Amino acid sequence: MICKHVDTVAITGAASGLGRAFAQAWAASGSRVGIMDIDMEGAGETLRLVEKAGTSGKVLRCDVRNCDEVEAAADHLFDLWGGVDVLVNNAGVGGGGAVGEIPLRDWETVIGIDLWGVINGCQAFIPRMKERGGGHIVNVSSLAGLISAPRFAPYNASKAAVVALTQTLKTELASSRIGVTVVCPPVVKTDILENTLRMAGEIDYDIAGEMELLKMAMGASRITPEDIAAMTLKAVERNRLYVIPGLPLRLSWLSARLAPSLFYGVSALLAARGLHEPVYRFLARRGWM
């Protein structure tokens, strides 16, 4: 389905960051916005901004790891509005550290939110969209879903699975007039670091280097959440599968796709020689992560 105008949109993780940027962008276009999050204070502030843009919204407390809560949110919005045109599976949390050091509870947290949250959203909203005759699913992945950097395995694995799921849905939902888009942003300035530390278990392993690297990349990023939101609205309107912002990121993705053995072989060689950290710092300082 090509959504020339979106009357209603539901967004998970809409209390801050990229989710709030999505909410404001769709509100500015006249859409009513379902604000789904576990942070009620932040969700209330997003609602205020949506109403300031001249439209209406609905705040729903929803832990995306809980399929019953996601189903209840879908029921509520479809009953309230008669349907939802676009679902944005945006809720996410980061996760750093080396495999073998990361506690399993932190793997479970990251996969539970970043992957199962998307699965639960699709499971709840797709049947209702089919019954209504169409819609659009936006799944927020990451550059990490396309290119796997060391010491971010839970995040990389979850986001890569989101890309694979969205590619599957592109064909699977075509006959149901449901479009799909996967958004793969680089590191942008959001609350993901704070959310990561809050949602993780008791951190008893060293992730200081990863956090410093991400802070550096956020500070240097040339792309804002508002930029990502604007690109996504255009992609939904044109029924595009991918949103991959920035030429350097697209070139990196193409390199990894066209010559994966060479790409990751060079990465492994740099790591073996203790050079991968300086390379990633170089990329972070230029906003290329």
C-alpha atoms as a PDB file:
ATOM      1  CA  MET A   1       0.000   0.000   0.000  1.00  0.00           C
ATOM      2  CA  ILE A   2       1.363   3.426  -0.931  1.00  0.00           C
ATOM      3  CA  CYS A   3       0.319   5.762   1.890  1.00  0.00           C
ATOM      4  CA  LYS A   4      -0.055   9.171   0.264  1.00  0.00           C
ATOM      5  CA  HIS A   5      -1.618  10.428   3.470  1.00  0.00           C
ATOM      6  CA  VAL A   6      -1.334   8.780   6.862  1.00  0.00           C
ATOM      7  CA  ASP A   7      -4.322   9.477   9.108  1.00  0.00           C
ATOM      8  CA  THR A   8      -3.192   7.304  12.020  1.00  0.00           C
ATOM      9  CA  VAL A   9       0.210   6.035  13.136  1.00  0.00           C
ATOM     10  CA  ALA A  10       1.291   3.932  16.118  1.00  0.00           C
ATOM     11  CA  ILE A  11       4.888   4.280  17.341  1.00  0.00           C
ATOM     12  CA  THR A  12       6.671   2.166  19.934  1.00  0.00           C
ATOM     13  CA  GLY A  13       9.424   3.784  21.987  1.00  0.00           C
ATOM     14  CA  ALA A  14       7.841   7.168  21.260  1.00  0.00           C
ATOM     15  CA  ALA A  15       8.695   8.801  24.604  1.00  0.00           C
ATOM     16  CA  SER A  16      12.029  10.189  23.412  1.00  0.00           C
ATOM     17  CA  GLY A  17      14.697  10.245  20.738  1.00  0.00           C
ATOM     18  CA  LEU A  18      13.914   8.874  17.310  1.00  0.00           C
ATOM     19  CA  GLY A  19      10.433   7.750  18.368  1.00  0.00           C
ATOM     20  CA  ARG A  20       9.539  11.280  19.424  1.00  0.00           C
ATOM     21  CA  ALA A  21      10.942  12.634  16.144  1.00  0.00           C
ATOM     22  CA  PHE A  22       8.687  10.208  14.240  1.00  0.00           C
ATOM     23  CA  ALA A  23       5.692  11.333  16.317  1.00  0.00           C
ATOM     24  CA  GLN A  24       6.363  15.026  15.681  1.00  0.00           C
ATOM     25  CA  ALA A  25       6.944  14.514  11.964  1.00  0.00           C
ATOM     26  CA  TRP A  26       3.717  12.591  11.440  1.00  0.00           C
ATOM     27  CA  ALA A  27       1.809  15.009  13.672  1.00  0.00           C
ATOM     28  CA  ALA A  28       3.083  17.901  11.547  1.00  0.00           C
ATOM     29  CA  SER A  29       1.626  16.143   8.504  1.00  0.00           C
ATOM     30  CA  GLY A  30      -1.770  15.923  10.237  1.00  0.00           C
ATOM     31  CA  SER A  31      -1.682  12.336  11.516  1.00  0.00           C
ATOM     32  CA  ARG A  32      -3.098  11.178  14.827  1.00  0.00           C
ATOM     33  CA  VAL A  33      -0.359   9.449  16.819  1.00  0.00           C
ATOM     34  CA  GLY A  34      -0.445   6.441  19.137  1.00  0.00           C
ATOM     35  CA  ILE A  35       2.428   6.932  21.603  1.00  0.00           C
ATOM     36  CA  MET A  36       3.509   3.549  22.984  1.00  0.00           C
ATOM     37  CA  ASP A  37       6.205   3.351  25.670  1.00  0.00           C
ATOM     38  CA  ILE A  38       6.976   2.336  29.245  1.00  0.00           C
ATOM     39  CA  ASP A  39       8.173   5.872  30.096  1.00  0.00           C
ATOM     40  CA  MET A  40       4.905   7.625  30.883  1.00  0.00           C
ATOM     41  CA  GLU A  41       6.501  10.966  31.698  1.00  0.00           C
ATOM     42  CA  GLY A  42       8.348  11.077  28.387  1.00  0.00           C
ATOM     43  CA  ALA A  43       5.279   9.822  26.530  1.00  0.00           C
ATOM     44  CA  GLY A  44       3.249  12.658  28.038  1.00  0.00           C
ATOM     45  CA  GLU A  45       5.781  15.186  26.772  1.00  0.00           C
ATOM     46  CA  THR A  46       5.587  13.633  23.295  1.00  0.00           C
ATOM     47  CA  LEU A  47       1.797  13.936  23.449  1.00  0.00           C
ATOM     48  CA  ARG A  48       2.135  17.620  24.320  1.00  0.00           C
ATOM     49  CA  LEU A  49       4.344  18.148  21.261  1.00  0.00           C
ATOM     50  CA  VAL A  50       1.919  16.218  19.044  1.00  0.00           C
ATOM     51  CA  GLU A  51      -0.977  18.374  20.228  1.00  0.00           C
ATOM     52  CA  LYS A  52       1.140  21.495  19.760  1.00  0.00           C
ATOM     53  CA  ALA A  53       1.519  20.474  16.114  1.00  0.00           C
ATOM     54  CA  GLY A  54      -2.255  20.693  15.794  1.00  0.00           C
ATOM     55  CA  THR A  55      -3.355  17.075  15.896  1.00  0.00           C
ATOM     56  CA  SER A  56      -4.285  14.519  18.567  1.00  0.00           C
ATOM     57  CA  GLY A  57      -2.602  11.538  20.150  1.00  0.00           C
ATOM     58  CA  LYS A  58      -3.098   8.704  22.575  1.00  0.00           C
ATOM     59  CA  VAL A  59      -0.583   7.551  25.187  1.00  0.00           C
ATOM     60  CA  LEU A  60      -0.485   3.811  25.870  1.00  0.00           C
ATOM     61  CA  ARG A  61       1.820   2.126  28.351  1.00  0.00           C
ATOM     62  CA  CYS A  62       3.309  -0.788  26.471  1.00  0.00           C
ATOM     63  CA  ASP A  63       6.313  -3.004  27.133  1.00  0.00           C
ATOM     64  CA  VAL A  64       7.068  -4.349  23.652  1.00  0.00           C
ATOM     65  CA  ARG A  65       8.543  -7.531  25.154  1.00  0.00           C
ATOM     66  CA  ASN A  66       5.069  -8.457  26.376  1.00  0.00           C
ATOM     67  CA  CYS A  67       2.933  -9.726  23.498  1.00  0.00           C
ATOM     68  CA  ASP A  68      -0.284  -9.305  25.503  1.00  0.00           C
ATOM     69  CA  GLU A  69       0.441  -5.619  26.108  1.00  0.00           C
ATOM     70  CA  VAL A  70       1.183  -5.052  22.414  1.00  0.00           C
ATOM     71  CA  GLU A  71      -2.024  -6.881  21.429  1.00  0.00           C
ATOM     72  CA  ALA A  72      -3.999  -4.757  23.911  1.00  0.00           C
ATOM     73  CA  ALA A  73      -2.493  -1.555  22.469  1.00  0.00           C
ATOM     74  CA  ALA A  74      -3.396  -2.644  18.932  1.00  0.00           C
ATOM     75  CA  ASP A  75      -6.953  -3.471  20.012  1.00  0.00           C
ATOM     76  CA  HIS A  76      -7.313  -0.089  21.706  1.00  0.00           C
ATOM     77  CA  LEU A  77      -6.066   1.955  18.739  1.00  0.00           C
ATOM     78  CA  PHE A  78      -8.072   0.026  16.137  1.00  0.00           C
ATOM     79  CA  ASP A  79     -11.213   0.404  18.274  1.00  0.00           C
ATOM     80  CA  LEU A  80     -10.488   4.102  18.912  1.00  0.00           C
ATOM     81  CA  TRP A  81      -9.667   5.115  15.337  1.00  0.00           C
ATOM     82  CA  GLY A  82     -11.160   2.326  13.254  1.00  0.00           C
ATOM     83  CA  GLY A  83      -7.674   1.383  12.072  1.00  0.00           C
ATOM     84  CA  VAL A  84      -3.984   2.218  12.065  1.00  0.00           C
ATOM     85  CA  ASP A  85      -2.362   3.204   8.774  1.00  0.00           C
ATOM     86  CA  VAL A  86       1.280   2.901   9.872  1.00  0.00           C
ATOM     87  CA  LEU A  87       2.995   0.964  12.642  1.00  0.00           C
ATOM     88  CA  VAL A  88       6.518   2.058  13.567  1.00  0.00           C
ATOM     89  CA  ASN A  89       8.383  -0.620  15.528  1.00  0.00           C
ATOM     90  CA  ASN A  90      10.975   1.747  16.968  1.00  0.00           C
ATOM     91  CA  ALA A  91      11.555   0.767  20.628  1.00  0.00           C
ATOM     92  CA  GLY A  92      15.175  -0.198  21.151  1.00  0.00           C
ATOM     93  CA  VAL A  93      18.083  -0.496  23.522  1.00  0.00           C
ATOM     94  CA  GLY A  94      21.807  -0.955  22.912  1.00  0.00           C
ATOM     95  CA  GLY A  95      24.204  -3.571  24.193  1.00  0.00           C
ATOM     96  CA  GLY A  96      27.993  -3.728  24.246  1.00  0.00           C
ATOM     97  CA  GLY A  97      30.736  -6.032  25.368  1.00  0.00           C
ATOM     98  CA  ALA A  98      32.498  -9.163  24.153  1.00  0.00           C
ATOM     99  CA  VAL A  99      30.742 -12.470  23.562  1.00  0.00           C
ATOM    100  CA  GLY A 100      31.449 -14.686  26.547  1.00  0.00           C
ATOM    101  CA  GLU A 101      31.621 -11.707  28.886  1.00  0.00           C
ATOM    102  CA  ILE A 102      28.132 -10.282  28.341  1.00  0.00           C
ATOM    103  CA  PRO A 103      25.726 -11.838  30.893  1.00  0.00           C
ATOM    104  CA  LEU A 104      22.887 -13.810  29.326  1.00  0.00           C
ATOM    105  CA  ARG A 105      20.380 -11.542  31.083  1.00  0.00           C
ATOM    106  CA  ASP A 106      21.674  -8.628  28.989  1.00  0.00           C
ATOM    107  CA  TRP A 107      21.426 -10.698  25.797  1.00  0.00           C
ATOM    108  CA  GLU A 108      17.822 -11.428  26.765  1.00  0.00           C
ATOM    109  CA  THR A 109      17.076  -7.753  27.405  1.00  0.00           C
ATOM    110  CA  VAL A 110      18.488  -6.557  24.086  1.00  0.00           C
ATOM    111  CA  ILE A 111      16.914  -9.341  22.014  1.00  0.00           C
ATOM    112  CA  GLY A 112      13.658  -8.997  23.937  1.00  0.00           C
ATOM    113  CA  ILE A 113      13.277  -5.329  23.066  1.00  0.00           C
ATOM    114  CA  ASP A 114      15.122  -4.945  19.752  1.00  0.00           C
ATOM    115  CA  LEU A 115      13.899  -8.142  18.076  1.00  0.00           C
ATOM    116  CA  TRP A 116      10.941  -9.555  19.979  1.00  0.00           C
ATOM    117  CA  GLY A 117       9.493  -6.053  20.260  1.00  0.00           C
ATOM    118  CA  VAL A 118       9.390  -5.882  16.464  1.00  0.00           C
ATOM    119  CA  ILE A 119       8.018  -9.414  16.161  1.00  0.00           C
ATOM    120  CA  ASN A 120       5.285  -8.670  18.703  1.00  0.00           C
ATOM    121  CA  GLY A 121       4.340  -5.476  16.875  1.00  0.00           C
ATOM    122  CA  CYS A 122       4.094  -7.285  13.549  1.00  0.00           C
ATOM    123  CA  GLN A 123       2.112 -10.162  15.073  1.00  0.00           C
ATOM    124  CA  ALA A 124      -0.398  -7.769  16.625  1.00  0.00           C
ATOM    125  CA  PHE A 125      -0.878  -5.220  13.848  1.00  0.00           C
ATOM    126  CA  ILE A 126      -0.488  -7.155  10.579  1.00  0.00           C
ATOM    127  CA  PRO A 127      -3.650  -9.297  10.907  1.00  0.00           C
ATOM    128  CA  ARG A 128      -5.677  -6.187  11.732  1.00  0.00           C
ATOM    129  CA  MET A 129      -4.183  -4.303   8.779  1.00  0.00           C
ATOM    130  CA  LYS A 130      -5.001  -7.234   6.479  1.00  0.00           C
ATOM    131  CA  GLU A 131      -8.592  -7.248   7.683  1.00  0.00           C
ATOM    132  CA  ARG A 132      -8.824  -3.507   7.089  1.00  0.00           C
ATOM    133  CA  GLY A 133      -7.343  -3.765   3.592  1.00  0.00           C
ATOM    134  CA  GLY A 134      -3.826  -2.359   3.881  1.00  0.00           C
ATOM    135  CA  GLY A 135      -1.289  -0.330   5.809  1.00  0.00           C
ATOM    136  CA  HIS A 136       2.440   0.073   6.257  1.00  0.00           C
ATOM    137  CA  ILE A 137       4.978  -1.430   8.676  1.00  0.00           C
ATOM    138  CA  VAL A 138       8.146   0.513   9.538  1.00  0.00           C
ATOM    139  CA  ASN A 139      10.794  -1.491  11.395  1.00  0.00           C
ATOM    140  CA  VAL A 140      13.682   0.468  12.868  1.00  0.00           C
ATOM    141  CA  SER A 141      16.947  -1.434  12.574  1.00  0.00           C
ATOM    142  CA  SER A 142      20.367   0.244  12.495  1.00  0.00           C
ATOM    143  CA  LEU A 143      23.554   0.468  10.486  1.00  0.00           C
ATOM    144  CA  ALA A 144      24.524  -2.344  12.896  1.00  0.00           C
ATOM    145  CA  GLY A 145      21.925  -4.489  11.159  1.00  0.00           C
ATOM    146  CA  LEU A 146      23.913  -4.176   7.927  1.00  0.00           C
ATOM    147  CA  ILE A 147      27.521  -4.046   9.157  1.00  0.00           C
ATOM    148  CA  SER A 148      28.626  -5.922  12.283  1.00  0.00           C
ATOM    149  CA  ALA A 149      31.166  -4.099  14.435  1.00  0.00           C
ATOM    150  CA  PRO A 150      33.022  -6.001  17.197  1.00  0.00           C
ATOM    151  CA  ARG A 151      31.851  -5.905  20.822  1.00  0.00           C
ATOM    152  CA  PHE A 152      28.193  -5.178  19.984  1.00  0.00           C
ATOM    153  CA  ALA A 153      27.004  -8.738  19.312  1.00  0.00           C
ATOM    154  CA  PRO A 154      23.532  -8.648  20.963  1.00  0.00           C
ATOM    155  CA  TYR A 155      22.672  -5.387  19.222  1.00  0.00           C
ATOM    156  CA  ASN A 156      24.137  -6.491  15.869  1.00  0.00           C
ATOM    157  CA  ALA A 157      22.329  -9.822  15.938  1.00  0.00           C
ATOM    158  CA  SER A 158      18.969  -8.271  16.857  1.00  0.00           C
ATOM    159  CA  LYS A 159      19.163  -5.509  14.273  1.00  0.00           C
ATOM    160  CA  ALA A 160      20.302  -7.885  11.499  1.00  0.00           C
ATOM    161  CA  ALA A 161      17.299 -10.071  12.284  1.00  0.00           C
ATOM    162  CA  VAL A 162      15.021  -7.025  11.974  1.00  0.00           C
ATOM    163  CA  VAL A 163      16.408  -6.394   8.477  1.00  0.00           C
ATOM    164  CA  ALA A 164      15.807 -10.039   7.526  1.00  0.00           C
ATOM    165  CA  LEU A 165      12.271  -9.949   8.928  1.00  0.00           C
ATOM    166  CA  THR A 166      11.429  -6.795   6.977  1.00  0.00           C
ATOM    167  CA  GLN A 167      12.824  -8.219   3.743  1.00  0.00           C
ATOM    168  CA  THR A 168      10.647 -11.292   4.299  1.00  0.00           C
ATOM    169  CA  LEU A 169       7.563  -9.142   4.849  1.00  0.00           C
ATOM    170  CA  LYS A 170       8.170  -7.138   1.654  1.00  0.00           C
ATOM    171  CA  THR A 171       7.187 -10.155  -0.431  1.00  0.00           C
ATOM    172  CA  GLU A 172       4.892 -11.823   2.075  1.00  0.00           C
ATOM    173  CA  LEU A 173       2.597  -8.803   2.470  1.00  0.00           C
ATOM    174  CA  ALA A 174       2.566  -7.524  -1.119  1.00  0.00           C
ATOM    175  CA  SER A 175      -0.754  -9.176  -1.948  1.00  0.00           C
ATOM    176  CA  SER A 176      -2.307  -7.712   1.222  1.00  0.00           C
ATOM    177  CA  ARG A 177      -1.528  -4.117   0.199  1.00  0.00           C
ATOM    178  CA  ILE A 178       0.744  -3.667   3.222  1.00  0.00           C
ATOM    179  CA  GLY A 179       3.996  -1.866   2.516  1.00  0.00           C
ATOM    180  CA  VAL A 180       7.156  -2.338   4.569  1.00  0.00           C
ATOM    181  CA  THR A 181      10.219  -0.203   5.255  1.00  0.00           C
ATOM    182  CA  VAL A 182      13.329  -0.896   7.313  1.00  0.00           C
ATOM    183  CA  VAL A 183      15.189   2.124   8.700  1.00  0.00           C
ATOM    184  CA  CYS A 184      18.948   1.667   9.219  1.00  0.00           C
ATOM    185  CA  PRO A 185      20.262   4.878  10.784  1.00  0.00           C
ATOM    186  CA  PRO A 186      23.836   5.484  11.885  1.00  0.00           C
ATOM    187  CA  VAL A 187      24.592   6.606  15.426  1.00  0.00           C
ATOM    188  CA  VAL A 188      22.472   9.714  16.067  1.00  0.00           C
ATOM    189  CA  LYS A 189      21.987  11.707  19.253  1.00  0.00           C
ATOM    190  CA  THR A 190      19.222   9.989  21.230  1.00  0.00           C
ATOM    191  CA  ASP A 191      18.708   8.597  24.743  1.00  0.00           C
ATOM    192  CA  ILE A 192      19.800   5.079  23.781  1.00  0.00           C
ATOM    193  CA  LEU A 193      22.927   5.133  25.980  1.00  0.00           C
ATOM    194  CA  GLU A 194      20.941   6.088  29.066  1.00  0.00           C
ATOM    195  CA  ASN A 195      18.247   3.541  28.194  1.00  0.00           C
ATOM    196  CA  THR A 196      20.893   0.867  27.701  1.00  0.00           C
ATOM    197  CA  LEU A 197      22.397   1.391  31.133  1.00  0.00           C
ATOM    198  CA  ARG A 198      18.950   1.520  32.745  1.00  0.00           C
ATOM    199  CA  MET A 199      17.650  -1.635  31.065  1.00  0.00           C
ATOM    200  CA  ALA A 200      20.814  -3.726  31.365  1.00  0.00           C
ATOM    201  CA  GLY A 201      21.492  -5.969  34.314  1.00  0.00           C
ATOM    202  CA  GLU A 202      24.146  -5.248  36.873  1.00  0.00           C
ATOM    203  CA  ILE A 203      27.091  -4.232  34.679  1.00  0.00           C
ATOM    204  CA  ASP A 204      30.067  -6.210  35.948  1.00  0.00           C
ATOM    205  CA  TYR A 205      32.060  -6.163  32.709  1.00  0.00           C
ATOM    206  CA  ASP A 206      33.888  -3.347  30.981  1.00  0.00           C
ATOM    207  CA  ILE A 207      31.908  -1.425  28.347  1.00  0.00           C
ATOM    208  CA  ALA A 208      33.496   1.968  28.998  1.00  0.00           C
ATOM    209  CA  GLY A 209      35.257   1.878  25.641  1.00  0.00           C
ATOM    210  CA  GLU A 210      32.029   1.176  23.738  1.00  0.00           C
ATOM    211  CA  MET A 211      30.166   3.945  25.568  1.00  0.00           C
ATOM    212  CA  GLU A 212      32.948   6.448  24.913  1.00  0.00           C
ATOM    213  CA  LEU A 213      32.975   5.497  21.223  1.00  0.00           C
ATOM    214  CA  LEU A 214      29.209   5.935  20.887  1.00  0.00           C
ATOM    215  CA  LYS A 215      29.260   9.287  22.689  1.00  0.00           C
ATOM    216  CA  MET A 216      31.977  10.439  20.309  1.00  0.00           C
ATOM    217  CA  ALA A 217      29.959   9.289  17.287  1.00  0.00           C
ATOM    218  CA  MET A 218      26.801  10.983  18.591  1.00  0.00           C
ATOM    219  CA  GLY A 219      28.648  14.260  19.084  1.00  0.00           C
ATOM    220  CA  ALA A 220      30.027  14.166  15.533  1.00  0.00           C
ATOM    221  CA  SER A 221      26.899  12.881  13.782  1.00  0.00           C
ATOM    222  CA  ARG A 222      25.777  14.989  10.848  1.00  0.00           C
ATOM    223  CA  ILE A 223      22.338  13.357  10.841  1.00  0.00           C
ATOM    224  CA  THR A 224      19.624  14.172  13.379  1.00  0.00           C
ATOM    225  CA  PRO A 225      16.576  12.160  14.492  1.00  0.00           C
ATOM    226  CA  GLU A 226      14.477  14.731  12.646  1.00  0.00           C
ATOM    227  CA  ASP A 227      16.394  13.975   9.435  1.00  0.00           C
ATOM    228  CA  ILE A 228      15.732  10.252   9.870  1.00  0.00           C
ATOM    229  CA  ALA A 229      12.035  10.906  10.506  1.00  0.00           C
ATOM    230  CA  ALA A 230      11.710  13.056   7.369  1.00  0.00           C
ATOM    231  CA  MET A 231      13.429  10.375   5.253  1.00  0.00           C
ATOM    232  CA  THR A 232      11.145   7.719   6.705  1.00  0.00           C
ATOM    233  CA  LEU A 233       7.943   9.618   5.958  1.00  0.00           C
ATOM    234  CA  LYS A 234       9.082   9.994   2.360  1.00  0.00           C
ATOM    235  CA  ALA A 235       9.986   6.292   2.171  1.00  0.00           C
ATOM    236  CA  VAL A 236       6.539   5.293   3.443  1.00  0.00           C
ATOM    237  CA  GLU A 237       4.882   7.602   0.911  1.00  0.00           C
ATOM    238  CA  ARG A 238       6.901   5.965  -1.894  1.00  0.00           C
ATOM    239  CA  ASN A 239       6.775   2.443  -0.444  1.00  0.00           C
ATOM    240  CA  ARG A 240      10.560   2.104  -0.309  1.00  0.00           C
ATOM    241  CA  LEU A 241      12.090  -0.890   1.422  1.00  0.00           C
ATOM    242  CA  TYR A 242      15.271   0.719   2.791  1.00  0.00           C
ATOM    243  CA  VAL A 243      16.160   3.964   4.524  1.00  0.00           C
ATOM    244  CA  ILE A 244      19.973   4.107   4.735  1.00  0.00           C
ATOM    245  CA  PRO A 245      21.007   7.730   5.338  1.00  0.00           C
ATOM    246  CA  GLY A 246      24.227   9.192   3.995  1.00  0.00           C
ATOM    247  CA  LEU A 247      26.549   8.251   1.144  1.00  0.00           C
ATOM    248  CA  PRO A 248      29.399   6.934   3.389  1.00  0.00           C
ATOM    249  CA  LEU A 249      26.990   4.526   5.079  1.00  0.00           C
ATOM    250  CA  ARG A 250      25.550   3.282   1.787  1.00  0.00           C
ATOM    251  CA  LEU A 251      29.054   2.756   0.398  1.00  0.00           C
ATOM    252  CA  SER A 252      30.081   0.797   3.500  1.00  0.00           C
ATOM    253  CA  TRP A 253      26.968  -1.350   3.205  1.00  0.00           C
ATOM    254  CA  LEU A 254      27.614  -2.037  -0.476  1.00  0.00           C
ATOM    255  CA  SER A 255      31.231  -2.969   0.281  1.00  0.00           C
ATOM    256  CA  ALA A 256      30.147  -5.456   2.939  1.00  0.00           C
ATOM    257  CA  ARG A 257      27.478  -6.881   0.607  1.00  0.00           C
ATOM    258  CA  LEU A 258      29.632  -7.197  -2.510  1.00  0.00           C
ATOM    259  CA  ALA A 259      32.808  -8.521  -0.885  1.00  0.00           C
ATOM    260  CA  PRO A 260      31.940  -9.755   2.623  1.00  0.00           C
ATOM    261  CA  SER A 261      34.965 -12.045   3.003  1.00  0.00           C
ATOM    262  CA  LEU A 262      37.318  -9.211   2.112  1.00  0.00           C
ATOM    263  CA  PHE A 263      35.429  -6.663   4.239  1.00  0.00           C
ATOM    264  CA  TYR A 264      35.423  -8.753   7.415  1.00  0.00           C
ATOM    265  CA  GLY A 265      38.840 -10.214   6.655  1.00  0.00           C
ATOM    266  CA  VAL A 266      40.342  -6.732   6.719  1.00  0.00           C
ATOM    267  CA  SER A 267      38.398  -5.984   9.915  1.00  0.00           C
ATOM    268  CA  ALA A 268      39.747  -9.143  11.550  1.00  0.00           C
ATOM    269  CA  LEU A 269      43.295  -8.327  10.429  1.00  0.00           C
ATOM    270  CA  LEU A 270      43.034  -4.863  11.976  1.00  0.00           C
ATOM    271  CA  ALA A 271      41.743  -6.393  15.206  1.00  0.00           C
ATOM    272  CA  ALA A 272      44.551  -8.949  15.291  1.00  0.00           C
ATOM    273  CA  ARG A 273      47.079  -6.137  15.029  1.00  0.00           C
ATOM    274  CA  GLY A 274      45.368  -3.972  17.622  1.00  0.00           C
ATOM    275  CA  LEU A 275      44.324  -1.383  15.041  1.00  0.00           C
ATOM    276  CA  HIS A 276      40.554  -1.748  14.927  1.00  0.00           C
ATOM    277  CA  GLU A 277      39.961   0.618  17.878  1.00  0.00           C
ATOM    278  CA  PRO A 278      41.883   3.541  16.280  1.00  0.00           C
ATOM    279  CA  VAL A 279      39.975   2.935  13.031  1.00  0.00           C
ATOM    280  CA  TYR A 280      36.607   3.031  14.784  1.00  0.00           C
ATOM    281  CA  ARG A 281      37.631   6.161  16.671  1.00  0.00           C
ATOM    282  CA  PHE A 282      38.557   7.760  13.347  1.00  0.00           C
ATOM    283  CA  LEU A 283      35.131   6.860  11.934  1.00  0.00           C
ATOM    284  CA  ALA A 284      33.331   8.031  15.102  1.00  0.00           C
ATOM    285  CA  ARG A 285      35.050  11.426  15.096  1.00  0.00           C
ATOM    286  CA  ARG A 286      33.779  11.994  11.551  1.00  0.00           C
ATOM    287  CA  GLY A 287      30.235  10.877  12.234  1.00  0.00           C
ATOM    288  CA  TRP A 288      30.555   7.823   9.971  1.00  0.00           C
ATOM    289  CA  MET A 289      29.206   5.224  12.422  1.00  0.00           C
END
